[in-house]
Protein backbone atom coordinates (compact mmCIF):
# COMPACT_ATOMS: atom_id res chain seq x y z
CA UNK A 1 -50.30 -105.52 -23.28
CA UNK A 2 -49.55 -109.44 -23.06
CA UNK A 3 -51.61 -111.59 -20.71
CA UNK A 4 -48.75 -112.37 -18.21
CA UNK A 5 -48.14 -108.75 -17.75
CA UNK A 6 -52.05 -108.17 -17.23
CA UNK A 7 -51.86 -110.98 -14.56
CA UNK A 8 -48.70 -109.43 -13.03
CA UNK A 9 -50.33 -106.13 -12.87
CA UNK A 10 -53.44 -107.47 -11.34
CA UNK A 11 -51.12 -109.00 -8.60
CA UNK A 12 -49.51 -105.97 -8.02
CA UNK A 13 -52.66 -104.18 -7.56
CA UNK A 14 -53.92 -106.69 -5.08
CA UNK A 15 -50.71 -106.26 -3.23
CA UNK A 16 -51.24 -102.47 -3.03
CA UNK A 17 -54.74 -102.94 -1.94
CA UNK A 18 -53.38 -105.23 0.95
CA UNK A 19 -50.86 -102.81 1.86
CA UNK A 20 -53.38 -99.78 2.04
CA UNK A 21 -55.78 -101.94 4.13
CA UNK A 22 -52.69 -102.68 6.46
CA UNK A 23 -52.05 -99.20 6.70
CA UNK A 24 -55.79 -98.42 7.43
CA UNK A 25 -55.81 -100.88 10.37
CA UNK A 26 -52.59 -99.58 11.63
CA UNK A 27 -54.13 -95.90 11.68
CA UNK A 28 -57.07 -97.52 13.53
CA UNK A 29 -54.61 -98.94 16.27
CA UNK A 30 -52.46 -95.97 16.50
CA UNK A 31 -51.57 -94.36 19.55
CA UNK A 32 -53.41 -91.16 18.48
CA UNK A 33 -56.61 -92.87 18.30
CA UNK A 34 -58.62 -89.61 18.29
CA UNK A 35 -57.30 -88.89 14.62
CA UNK A 36 -58.42 -92.24 13.46
CA UNK A 37 -61.71 -91.74 15.05
CA UNK A 38 -62.16 -88.43 13.41
CA UNK A 39 -61.06 -89.72 9.94
CA UNK A 40 -63.32 -92.83 10.17
CA UNK A 41 -66.34 -91.35 11.84
CA UNK A 42 -69.63 -92.97 10.11
CA UNK A 43 -71.87 -90.77 8.16
CA UNK A 44 -74.99 -90.12 10.65
CA UNK A 45 -78.26 -91.56 10.36
CA UNK A 46 -79.60 -88.01 9.41
CA UNK A 47 -76.94 -87.78 6.56
CA UNK A 48 -77.87 -91.36 5.31
CA UNK A 49 -81.50 -90.48 5.35
CA UNK A 50 -80.96 -87.51 3.38
CA UNK A 51 -78.88 -89.37 0.74
CA UNK A 52 -81.54 -91.76 0.41
CA UNK A 53 -84.16 -88.88 -0.02
CA UNK A 54 -82.26 -87.37 -2.78
CA UNK A 55 -81.56 -90.87 -4.56
CA UNK A 56 -78.07 -90.65 -3.93
CA UNK A 57 -75.43 -93.42 -3.00
CA UNK A 58 -73.13 -92.38 0.06
CA UNK A 59 -70.02 -93.68 -2.33
CA UNK A 60 -71.38 -91.50 -5.31
CA UNK A 61 -69.26 -88.93 -6.46
CA UNK A 62 -68.70 -85.70 -4.74
CA UNK A 63 -68.50 -81.93 -6.09
CA UNK A 64 -68.05 -78.73 -3.63
CA UNK A 65 -68.98 -74.98 -4.57
CA UNK A 66 -67.97 -72.21 -2.41
CA UNK A 67 -69.16 -68.70 -2.59
CA UNK A 68 -67.39 -65.93 -0.42
CA UNK A 69 -69.79 -63.37 -0.38
CA UNK A 70 -72.93 -65.57 0.57
CA UNK A 71 -70.32 -67.30 3.23
CA UNK A 72 -72.02 -70.82 2.02
CA UNK A 73 -70.35 -74.09 0.81
CA UNK A 74 -72.51 -76.54 -1.16
CA UNK A 75 -71.99 -80.38 -1.42
CA UNK A 76 -73.15 -81.91 -4.57
CA UNK A 77 -73.46 -85.40 -5.22
CA UNK A 78 -74.14 -87.82 -8.14
CA UNK A 79 -77.91 -89.13 -8.07
CA UNK A 80 -78.87 -92.56 -9.84
CA UNK A 81 -79.28 -90.84 -13.24
CA UNK A 82 -75.88 -89.86 -13.29
CA UNK A 83 -76.38 -86.32 -12.93
CA UNK A 84 -75.18 -84.00 -10.00
CA UNK A 85 -77.89 -82.65 -7.56
CA UNK A 86 -77.44 -80.60 -4.33
CA UNK A 87 -77.13 -82.26 -1.07
CA UNK A 88 -76.55 -79.80 1.47
CA UNK A 89 -75.36 -76.12 1.95
CA UNK A 90 -73.13 -75.34 4.56
CA UNK A 91 -72.93 -71.84 6.47
CA UNK A 92 -69.01 -70.89 6.21
CA UNK A 93 -67.99 -69.75 9.70
CA UNK A 94 -65.17 -67.75 8.39
CA UNK A 95 -63.10 -66.45 5.47
CA UNK A 96 -60.55 -63.92 5.11
CA UNK A 97 -59.41 -61.32 2.51
CA UNK A 98 -61.44 -59.52 0.15
CA UNK A 99 -63.42 -60.63 -2.86
CA UNK A 100 -60.94 -61.69 -5.21
CA UNK A 101 -58.38 -64.27 -6.11
CA UNK A 102 -55.24 -65.15 -3.89
CA UNK A 103 -52.14 -63.42 -5.50
CA UNK A 104 -49.27 -63.85 -2.92
CA UNK A 105 -48.07 -65.37 0.16
CA UNK A 106 -49.56 -63.44 3.13
CA UNK A 107 -52.21 -61.47 1.35
CA UNK A 108 -54.65 -63.10 3.78
CA UNK A 109 -56.98 -64.10 0.58
CA UNK A 110 -58.91 -67.21 0.08
CA UNK A 111 -58.29 -68.93 -3.33
CA UNK A 112 -60.99 -68.54 -6.14
CA UNK A 113 -61.00 -71.02 -8.86
CA UNK A 114 -61.18 -74.61 -9.92
CA UNK A 115 -59.40 -77.21 -7.90
CA UNK A 116 -59.02 -81.06 -7.67
CA UNK A 117 -58.76 -82.81 -4.30
CA UNK A 118 -57.38 -86.08 -3.98
CA UNK A 119 -57.21 -88.43 -1.15
CA UNK A 120 -53.58 -87.33 -0.35
CA UNK A 121 -54.97 -83.91 0.32
CA UNK A 122 -57.01 -84.91 3.04
CA UNK A 123 -55.71 -84.55 6.34
CA UNK A 124 -57.14 -85.98 9.49
CA UNK A 125 -54.06 -84.90 11.58
CA UNK A 126 -54.96 -81.21 11.23
CA UNK A 127 -54.41 -78.40 13.96
CA UNK A 128 -57.99 -77.46 12.75
CA UNK A 129 -59.93 -80.67 13.68
CA UNK A 130 -59.88 -81.97 9.94
CA UNK A 131 -59.06 -80.41 6.93
CA UNK A 132 -58.13 -80.91 3.06
CA UNK A 133 -55.69 -78.95 0.94
CA UNK A 134 -57.20 -77.03 -2.14
CA UNK A 135 -54.13 -77.61 -4.08
CA UNK A 136 -53.11 -73.92 -4.44
CA UNK A 137 -51.73 -72.77 -6.61
CA UNK A 138 -53.21 -74.85 -9.68
CA UNK A 139 -52.13 -74.38 -13.19
CA UNK A 140 -54.03 -71.10 -13.79
CA UNK A 141 -52.54 -69.53 -10.63
CA UNK A 142 -49.12 -70.83 -11.60
CA UNK A 143 -49.45 -68.88 -15.05
CA UNK A 144 -49.81 -65.50 -13.25
CA UNK A 145 -46.94 -66.36 -10.72
CA UNK A 146 -49.26 -66.50 -7.52
CA UNK A 147 -47.76 -67.87 -4.43
CA UNK A 148 -49.05 -69.50 -1.25
CA UNK A 149 -49.37 -72.88 0.36
CA UNK A 150 -51.49 -74.90 2.67
CA UNK A 151 -54.72 -72.98 1.83
CA UNK A 152 -57.47 -75.09 3.45
CA UNK A 153 -60.94 -75.98 3.81
CA UNK A 154 -60.88 -76.97 7.58
CA UNK A 155 -62.67 -76.40 11.04
CA UNK A 156 -62.17 -74.46 13.93
CA UNK A 157 -63.85 -71.20 12.46
CA UNK A 158 -60.42 -69.48 12.16
CA UNK A 159 -58.99 -68.48 8.83
CA UNK A 160 -56.00 -66.87 7.44
CA UNK A 161 -56.59 -67.58 3.75
CA UNK A 162 -58.67 -70.50 4.30
CA UNK A 163 -62.30 -71.30 4.36
CA UNK A 164 -63.17 -72.20 7.79
CA UNK A 165 -66.04 -74.44 9.12
CA UNK A 166 -67.04 -75.55 12.40
CA UNK A 167 -65.75 -78.91 13.83
CA UNK A 168 -69.15 -80.92 13.24
CA UNK A 169 -69.41 -79.32 9.65
CA UNK A 170 -65.85 -80.39 8.28
CA UNK A 171 -66.55 -83.94 9.97
CA UNK A 172 -69.41 -84.38 7.80
CA UNK A 173 -67.97 -83.02 4.90
CA UNK A 174 -64.70 -85.18 5.38
CA UNK A 175 -66.96 -88.40 5.75
CA UNK A 176 -68.68 -87.42 2.64
CA UNK A 177 -65.45 -87.15 0.60
CA UNK A 178 -64.13 -90.22 2.26
CA UNK A 179 -67.07 -92.54 1.15
CA UNK A 180 -66.88 -90.82 -2.40
CA UNK A 181 -63.21 -91.90 -2.55
CA UNK A 182 -64.15 -95.41 -1.61
CA UNK A 183 -66.44 -95.48 -4.30
CA UNK A 184 -63.88 -95.08 -6.91
CA UNK A 185 -64.08 -91.42 -7.33
CA UNK A 186 -60.13 -90.36 -8.06
CA UNK A 187 -60.68 -86.56 -7.21
CA UNK A 188 -63.28 -84.10 -6.74
CA UNK A 189 -63.88 -80.87 -7.76
CA UNK A 190 -63.70 -77.66 -5.88
CA UNK A 191 -65.36 -74.39 -7.49
CA UNK A 192 -64.52 -71.33 -5.25
CA UNK A 193 -66.27 -68.24 -6.56
CA UNK A 194 -66.38 -64.56 -5.01
CA UNK A 195 -70.39 -64.81 -5.09
CA UNK A 196 -73.27 -66.70 -6.87
CA UNK A 197 -72.75 -65.73 -10.60
CA UNK A 198 -76.19 -64.18 -10.96
CA UNK A 199 -76.88 -61.27 -13.00
CA UNK A 200 -77.93 -59.31 -10.01
CA UNK A 201 -74.46 -59.89 -8.55
CA UNK A 202 -72.70 -59.49 -11.72
CA UNK A 203 -74.32 -55.96 -12.04
CA UNK A 204 -73.76 -54.97 -8.48
CA UNK A 205 -69.95 -55.78 -8.88
CA UNK A 206 -69.28 -54.59 -12.45
CA UNK A 207 -66.90 -52.28 -11.57
CA UNK A 208 -64.66 -54.43 -9.58
CA UNK A 209 -61.06 -54.82 -11.70
CA UNK A 210 -61.67 -58.57 -10.98
CA UNK A 211 -64.53 -58.92 -13.22
CA UNK A 212 -62.75 -60.04 -16.56
CA UNK A 213 -61.50 -63.08 -14.12
CA UNK A 214 -64.80 -63.47 -12.60
CA UNK A 215 -66.89 -63.80 -15.94
CA UNK A 216 -64.17 -66.38 -16.76
CA UNK A 217 -64.97 -68.28 -13.61
CA UNK A 218 -68.75 -67.80 -14.58
CA UNK A 219 -67.98 -69.71 -17.89
CA UNK A 220 -67.45 -72.88 -15.73
CA UNK A 221 -70.36 -72.12 -13.37
CA UNK A 222 -72.77 -71.82 -16.63
CA UNK A 223 -71.37 -75.08 -17.86
CA UNK A 224 -72.22 -77.07 -14.59
CA UNK A 225 -75.60 -75.09 -14.27
CA UNK A 226 -76.84 -76.27 -17.65
CA UNK A 227 -75.33 -79.77 -17.67
CA UNK A 228 -75.35 -80.62 -14.11
CA UNK A 229 -72.06 -82.64 -14.87
CA UNK A 230 -68.26 -81.89 -13.39
CA UNK A 231 -66.90 -79.52 -16.13
CA UNK A 232 -63.83 -80.77 -17.57
CA UNK A 233 -61.08 -77.93 -16.88
CA UNK A 234 -58.15 -77.02 -18.69
CA UNK A 235 -55.99 -73.89 -18.84
CA UNK A 236 -54.52 -72.03 -21.76
CA UNK A 237 -53.63 -68.47 -22.70
CA UNK A 238 -53.80 -67.99 -18.87
CA UNK A 239 -57.63 -68.53 -18.75
CA UNK A 240 -60.05 -71.62 -18.00
CA UNK A 241 -61.80 -73.47 -20.91
CA UNK A 242 -64.28 -75.95 -19.97
CA UNK A 243 -65.38 -79.21 -21.33
CA UNK A 244 -63.07 -78.50 -24.24
CA UNK A 245 -61.06 -81.08 -26.50
CA UNK A 246 -58.07 -80.14 -28.26
CA UNK A 247 -57.21 -81.01 -31.82
CA UNK A 248 -55.63 -84.07 -32.35
CA UNK A 249 -51.92 -84.01 -31.24
CA UNK A 250 -52.36 -80.74 -29.42
CA UNK A 251 -52.81 -79.91 -25.62
CA UNK A 252 -53.22 -77.33 -23.26
CA UNK A 253 -50.61 -75.04 -21.86
CA UNK A 254 -51.66 -72.61 -19.31
CA UNK A 255 -48.79 -70.12 -20.57
CA UNK A 256 -49.16 -70.50 -24.11
CA UNK A 257 -52.02 -69.93 -26.83
CA UNK A 258 -54.96 -72.18 -26.72
CA UNK A 259 -54.66 -74.69 -29.36
CA UNK A 260 -57.73 -75.28 -31.60
CA UNK A 261 -60.27 -77.00 -29.78
CA UNK A 262 -64.04 -78.07 -29.36
CA UNK A 263 -66.77 -78.15 -27.08
CA UNK A 264 -69.63 -80.60 -27.82
CA UNK A 265 -72.27 -78.55 -29.40
CA UNK A 266 -75.20 -79.36 -26.91
CA UNK A 267 -73.07 -77.99 -24.15
CA UNK A 268 -71.77 -75.10 -26.08
CA UNK A 269 -75.45 -74.10 -27.57
CA UNK A 270 -76.99 -74.42 -23.89
CA UNK A 271 -74.16 -72.40 -22.11
CA UNK A 272 -74.51 -69.72 -25.03
CA UNK A 273 -77.99 -69.37 -24.48
CA UNK A 274 -77.64 -68.90 -20.63
CA UNK A 275 -74.95 -66.28 -21.19
CA UNK A 276 -76.94 -64.49 -23.63
CA UNK A 277 -79.94 -64.34 -21.09
CA UNK A 278 -77.72 -63.22 -18.36
CA UNK A 279 -75.84 -60.65 -20.23
CA UNK A 280 -79.42 -58.93 -21.08
CA UNK A 281 -80.27 -59.19 -17.39
CA UNK A 282 -77.14 -57.35 -16.20
CA UNK A 283 -77.71 -54.80 -18.81
CA UNK A 284 -81.05 -54.26 -17.67
CA UNK A 285 -80.07 -54.19 -14.18
CA UNK A 286 -77.12 -52.24 -14.34
CA UNK A 287 -78.49 -48.75 -14.67
CA UNK A 288 -80.32 -48.97 -11.42
CA UNK A 289 -78.22 -51.35 -9.52
CA UNK A 290 -75.80 -49.92 -6.76
CA UNK A 291 -72.23 -50.64 -6.98
CA UNK A 292 -70.60 -52.60 -4.27
CA UNK A 293 -67.43 -51.48 -2.83
CA UNK A 294 -64.27 -52.88 -4.35
CA UNK A 295 -62.71 -53.19 -0.85
CA UNK A 296 -64.81 -53.30 2.47
CA UNK A 297 -61.76 -53.50 4.81
CA UNK A 298 -63.58 -56.11 7.05
CA UNK A 299 -61.15 -58.80 6.23
CA UNK A 300 -63.45 -61.55 4.95
CA UNK A 301 -67.03 -62.69 6.09
CA UNK A 302 -68.93 -64.84 8.35
CA UNK A 303 -72.30 -66.43 7.66
CA UNK A 304 -75.12 -64.51 9.54
CA UNK A 305 -76.30 -67.30 11.36
CA UNK A 306 -72.72 -67.56 13.21
CA UNK A 307 -72.75 -63.55 13.50
CA UNK A 308 -75.96 -63.78 15.35
CA UNK A 309 -74.70 -66.65 17.79
CA UNK A 310 -71.56 -64.48 18.58
CA UNK A 311 -73.96 -61.29 19.28
CA UNK A 312 -75.84 -63.67 21.81
CA UNK A 313 -72.51 -64.71 23.33
CA UNK A 314 -71.60 -61.05 23.93
CA UNK A 315 -74.98 -59.84 25.00
CA UNK A 316 -75.48 -63.00 27.33
CA UNK A 317 -78.99 -63.48 25.79
CA UNK A 318 -80.20 -66.77 24.76
CA UNK A 319 -82.35 -67.40 21.72
CA UNK A 320 -83.75 -70.04 19.66
CA UNK A 321 -81.31 -69.30 16.72
CA UNK A 322 -79.42 -72.67 15.82
CA UNK A 323 -76.17 -72.81 14.36
CA UNK A 324 -74.39 -75.82 12.47
CA UNK A 325 -72.03 -76.63 15.07
CA UNK A 326 -70.15 -75.30 17.89
CA UNK A 327 -68.31 -72.07 17.97
CA UNK A 328 -64.80 -72.23 19.63
CA UNK A 329 -64.22 -70.04 22.84
CA UNK A 330 -62.26 -67.60 20.70
CA UNK A 331 -63.32 -66.38 17.31
CA UNK A 332 -62.11 -63.72 15.30
CA UNK A 333 -65.02 -62.15 13.57
CA UNK A 334 -64.76 -59.77 10.47
CA UNK A 335 -64.14 -56.32 11.30
CA UNK A 336 -67.14 -54.05 11.49
CA UNK A 337 -66.61 -51.00 9.28
CA UNK A 338 -68.62 -48.36 7.34
CA UNK A 339 -67.12 -49.74 4.26
CA UNK A 340 -70.20 -51.83 3.22
CA UNK A 341 -72.60 -49.03 3.40
CA UNK A 342 -70.35 -46.35 1.79
CA UNK A 343 -70.67 -45.42 -1.91
CA UNK A 344 -68.65 -47.91 -3.92
CA UNK A 345 -65.12 -47.07 -5.06
CA UNK A 346 -64.80 -45.73 -8.32
CA UNK A 347 -62.34 -48.03 -10.30
CA UNK A 348 -59.62 -45.68 -10.67
CA UNK A 349 -56.12 -46.34 -11.28
CA UNK A 350 -55.46 -45.67 -7.78
CA UNK A 351 -58.20 -48.00 -6.31
CA UNK A 352 -57.19 -50.90 -8.88
CA UNK A 353 -53.67 -50.92 -7.54
CA UNK A 354 -54.87 -51.49 -4.20
CA UNK A 355 -56.67 -54.53 -5.11
CA UNK A 356 -54.77 -57.71 -4.83
CA UNK A 357 -54.93 -59.09 -8.11
CA UNK A 358 -52.90 -59.19 -11.46
CA UNK A 359 -54.10 -57.86 -14.87
CA UNK A 360 -57.43 -59.28 -15.76
CA UNK A 361 -57.38 -62.87 -17.02
CA UNK A 362 -57.89 -62.51 -20.68
CA UNK A 363 -60.85 -64.70 -22.35
CA UNK A 364 -60.15 -67.87 -24.38
CA UNK A 365 -60.71 -67.87 -28.07
CA UNK A 366 -64.18 -69.02 -29.14
CA UNK A 367 -64.34 -72.83 -29.57
CA UNK A 368 -64.89 -74.01 -33.06
CA UNK A 369 -68.06 -75.71 -33.73
CA UNK A 370 -68.00 -79.28 -33.82
CA UNK A 371 -70.05 -81.67 -36.03
CA UNK A 372 -70.44 -84.52 -33.60
CA UNK A 373 -73.90 -84.54 -32.06
CA UNK A 374 -73.29 -86.87 -29.22
CA UNK A 375 -74.02 -85.74 -25.77
CA UNK A 376 -71.03 -85.33 -23.06
CA UNK A 377 -70.85 -88.58 -21.29
CA UNK A 378 -72.31 -88.75 -17.84
CA UNK A 379 -70.39 -90.11 -14.95
CA UNK A 380 -71.44 -93.43 -13.82
CA UNK A 381 -74.29 -93.49 -11.07
CA UNK A 382 -73.38 -94.16 -7.66
CA UNK A 383 -71.77 -97.38 -6.61
CA UNK A 384 -74.21 -99.33 -4.06
CA UNK A 385 -72.94 -99.83 -0.70
CA UNK A 386 -73.15 -103.09 1.75
CA UNK A 387 -74.42 -101.28 4.73
CA UNK A 388 -75.33 -97.29 4.58
CA UNK A 389 -73.65 -95.00 6.63
CA UNK A 390 -71.06 -97.62 7.90
CA UNK A 391 -67.62 -96.29 6.73
CA UNK A 392 -66.58 -98.07 3.56
CA UNK A 393 -63.25 -100.21 4.22
CA UNK A 394 -61.96 -99.15 0.82
CA UNK A 395 -62.70 -95.66 1.59
CA UNK A 396 -61.01 -95.55 4.97
CA UNK A 397 -58.06 -97.19 3.57
CA UNK A 398 -57.70 -94.88 0.97
CA UNK A 399 -57.74 -91.77 2.84
CA UNK A 400 -55.76 -93.42 5.86
CA UNK A 401 -52.97 -94.29 3.65
CA UNK A 402 -52.90 -91.22 1.80
CA UNK A 403 -52.71 -89.31 4.97
CA UNK A 404 -50.17 -91.63 6.65
CA UNK A 405 -47.33 -89.38 5.22
CA UNK A 406 -48.43 -86.20 5.62
CA UNK A 407 -47.30 -83.38 7.86
CA UNK A 408 -47.53 -83.86 11.66
CA UNK A 409 -50.12 -81.71 13.76
CA UNK A 410 -47.14 -79.33 14.95
CA UNK A 411 -46.14 -78.92 11.09
CA UNK A 412 -49.43 -77.55 9.75
CA UNK A 413 -49.49 -73.70 9.22
CA UNK A 414 -50.97 -71.67 12.20
CA UNK A 415 -54.25 -69.94 11.57
CA UNK A 416 -52.34 -66.74 12.39
CA UNK A 417 -49.68 -67.07 9.99
CA UNK A 418 -50.69 -65.38 6.62
CA UNK A 419 -51.29 -67.53 4.13
C-alpha cells in the first residue's frame, strides 16, 4: 500500500475514534443516565486489588468458561507472562433446560459450545440489568440447523435459555469485558460446557446420547487446559477443530469435509497425553460410577448458594450464608423432582428421542503431524492502564458506540418467552 493511502487510512481511523468518543460522551449525557451509569461503572477497589494480586492488568484479554451442572461461570484474564489464569468464579443464579445443546427455538435449552463476543454484543440497555449476547447460533450450530436467538448472559436471575446472574455479578463481568475491549481485545471467547470435563463427570454421564458432542467440546477444553491460551476455533465436517492450520489455499467449512490441517506439535502431543490419561481414568471409574439421569425434569439449575438463600427467605430464618448479589423479589427456582435421585435412564431409542439433540457430532479427522517445532504464539501481555479501576476512555467509547444502535429495552425478549 502506498504512503498516501496509509496516511489517509490513518486520518480515517482518527475520525472514527473521534466519532466513537463523541458517542460515548452522548451516552454519558443521555436522558437515560441510568443506562450510562451501569455501562460505565468502574471496577471496584476490591476487583482492582484482586487483579494486582494475580498479576493481571484490567485491560488484558478476558476469557469466560461456563459449567451448567456446577452452575458456575469462570472469568480468566491474561497475566504479565502472556498466559491465561483464573481471576474469579461466579455462581450462576439460574439456567434453564437440561444438560445438552440448544437445538430449536422454544426448547428452553441454554447453549453449549464456543462463542465469540464482540463489543456490539454487549447490551447496557437490557431488560435484565446488563447483558451480552452469546451469538447463538454459531457456525457449528448452523451446520445442524439449530434455531434460536437472543441467548444471553444477563442479570435478574431469570432464565429462558440464558445464563442468568445477579445484577451485581453481571455488572462486574460487564465492566471486566469493557476494560478488555478498551485494551485492544476485539472479541472474547465464551466456552459453555455441560459440566467440568473431568474423567469423573465423563464416566457419570457416559450413557448420555450427547456424549459424542461433549467429547468434541472436551477437545477444546483440553487445549485450553494444557496451553492456558485461547484455543483457535474452527468448524468442519460439523465438528469443532482447535488450534488447526489448514493446508495452503484451503479453508474450513462447517458443513464440508475437513481439509488437510496441522496442529502445532507441542500442543498436539500435550493434548493427546492428557486425553490418554483421562480416558484411562474414565475406563477405571465407569464400572463403579453411578449413571446420571439423561433427563432430570427440573428445568435447569441454580447454584447451591442461591438455593440456600431462597430457603432462608421461605423459612423466614436468617443465617450467615452470603450470596454474591441480591436476589430479585420473584425467582423461579428449578423444579424439585425425584429424577435426580432416580436411577439413570437407559439410553434406549425411546429415551434418546426425548433428548433435545440431533445426531451426535462426528469427530474430526486426526490432524496430520507437523514438522515445525515453534510453539504456538502467546497473546500479548496486558496493556498497562493510566489509572487502575477508572473506566478506560477507549473501553467506554467502544462499548457505548457498539451498543447505541442496539434494540431498545422494550424490544429485548422477555424472560418468559422460550428461547
